[in-house]
Amino acid sequence: MWFGIYRILAAVARALANRPSLILADEPTAALDSVHDRQVMELFSKVAHEQNAGVIVVTHDHRALDVFDRALEMEDGQLRKSHN
């Protein structure tokens, strides 16, 4: 399990190393436990603010969405503001 966590964290670090202006993350924390899930989401949020970058995260996990400035939900093909 730990190897998988470090593999995911390393992939996130590689993606952020180039200082992108837009970060697209599709289920970036699907294989992580709640502690590491939150750390990755907080890292995305921190990078967005420090580097003035946009972050779009697609996830089914709502546990750490509160770290972002804005969250949207899609249900039945309709996009709406999240209640989180």
Protein backbone atom coordinates (compact mmCIF):
# COMPACT_ATOMS: atom_id res chain seq x y z
CA MET A 1 0.00 0.00 0.00
CA TRP A 2 2.73 2.50 0.90
CA PHE A 3 4.42 1.99 -2.45
CA GLY A 4 1.19 3.00 -4.20
CA ILE A 5 0.90 6.14 -2.07
CA TYR A 6 4.43 7.24 -2.88
CA ARG A 7 3.93 6.47 -6.56
CA ILE A 8 0.87 8.74 -6.66
CA LEU A 9 2.57 11.50 -4.67
CA ALA A 10 5.59 11.31 -6.99
CA ALA A 11 3.32 11.65 -10.04
CA VAL A 12 1.67 14.71 -8.50
CA ALA A 13 5.08 16.23 -7.71
CA ARG A 14 6.28 15.62 -11.30
CA ALA A 15 3.16 17.27 -12.69
CA LEU A 16 3.61 20.34 -10.49
CA ALA A 17 7.37 20.68 -11.07
CA ASN A 18 6.86 22.46 -14.41
CA ARG A 19 4.73 25.14 -12.74
CA PRO A 20 1.72 24.70 -15.05
CA SER A 21 -0.84 27.47 -15.36
CA LEU A 22 -3.64 24.88 -15.39
CA ILE A 23 -3.71 21.58 -13.49
CA LEU A 24 -6.17 18.92 -14.64
CA ALA A 25 -6.51 16.04 -12.19
CA ASP A 26 -8.82 13.10 -12.87
CA GLU A 27 -9.41 11.14 -9.65
CA PRO A 28 -5.92 12.02 -8.35
CA THR A 29 -6.55 10.53 -4.92
CA ALA A 30 -8.67 7.48 -5.76
CA ALA A 31 -6.14 5.04 -4.28
CA LEU A 32 -5.21 7.12 -1.23
CA ASP A 33 -6.40 6.99 2.35
CA SER A 34 -8.18 10.03 3.82
CA VAL A 35 -5.01 11.60 5.29
CA HIS A 36 -3.05 11.47 2.04
CA ASP A 37 -6.15 12.39 0.04
CA ARG A 38 -6.44 15.64 1.99
CA GLN A 39 -2.69 16.35 1.69
CA VAL A 40 -2.82 16.07 -2.10
CA MET A 41 -5.91 18.27 -2.34
CA GLU A 42 -4.29 20.86 -0.04
CA LEU A 43 -1.17 20.76 -2.22
CA PHE A 44 -3.25 21.46 -5.34
CA SER A 45 -4.93 24.37 -3.58
CA LYS A 46 -1.63 25.77 -2.31
CA VAL A 47 -0.05 25.57 -5.76
CA ALA A 48 -3.08 27.26 -7.30
CA HIS A 49 -2.77 30.21 -4.93
CA GLU A 50 1.03 30.50 -4.89
CA GLN A 51 1.50 30.09 -8.65
CA ASN A 52 -1.75 31.73 -9.73
CA ALA A 53 -2.74 28.50 -11.46
CA GLY A 54 -6.12 27.02 -12.19
CA VAL A 55 -6.96 23.59 -10.79
CA ILE A 56 -9.70 21.33 -12.08
CA VAL A 57 -10.13 18.15 -10.05
CA VAL A 58 -12.62 15.47 -11.08
CA THR A 59 -13.46 13.21 -8.17
CA HIS A 60 -16.19 11.15 -6.56
CA ASP A 61 -14.67 11.83 -3.14
CA HIS A 62 -16.11 14.88 -1.40
CA ARG A 63 -14.00 14.63 1.78
CA ALA A 64 -11.47 17.32 0.92
CA LEU A 65 -13.30 19.59 -1.49
CA ASP A 66 -13.56 22.28 1.18
CA VAL A 67 -9.90 23.18 0.56
CA PHE A 68 -10.82 24.71 -2.80
CA ASP A 69 -12.29 28.16 -3.40
CA ARG A 70 -15.06 26.78 -5.59
CA ALA A 71 -16.57 23.35 -6.10
CA LEU A 72 -19.07 22.26 -8.73
CA GLU A 73 -21.10 19.08 -8.92
CA MET A 74 -22.47 17.29 -11.94
CA GLU A 75 -25.62 15.26 -11.54
CA ASP A 76 -27.74 13.91 -14.36
CA GLY A 77 -25.70 15.93 -16.84
CA GLN A 78 -26.32 19.21 -15.02
CA LEU A 79 -23.49 21.28 -13.54
CA ARG A 80 -24.26 23.20 -10.34
CA LYS A 81 -22.48 24.80 -7.41
CA SER A 82 -21.59 22.31 -4.69
CA HIS A 83 -23.14 22.53 -1.25
CA ASN A 84 -19.78 21.75 0.40
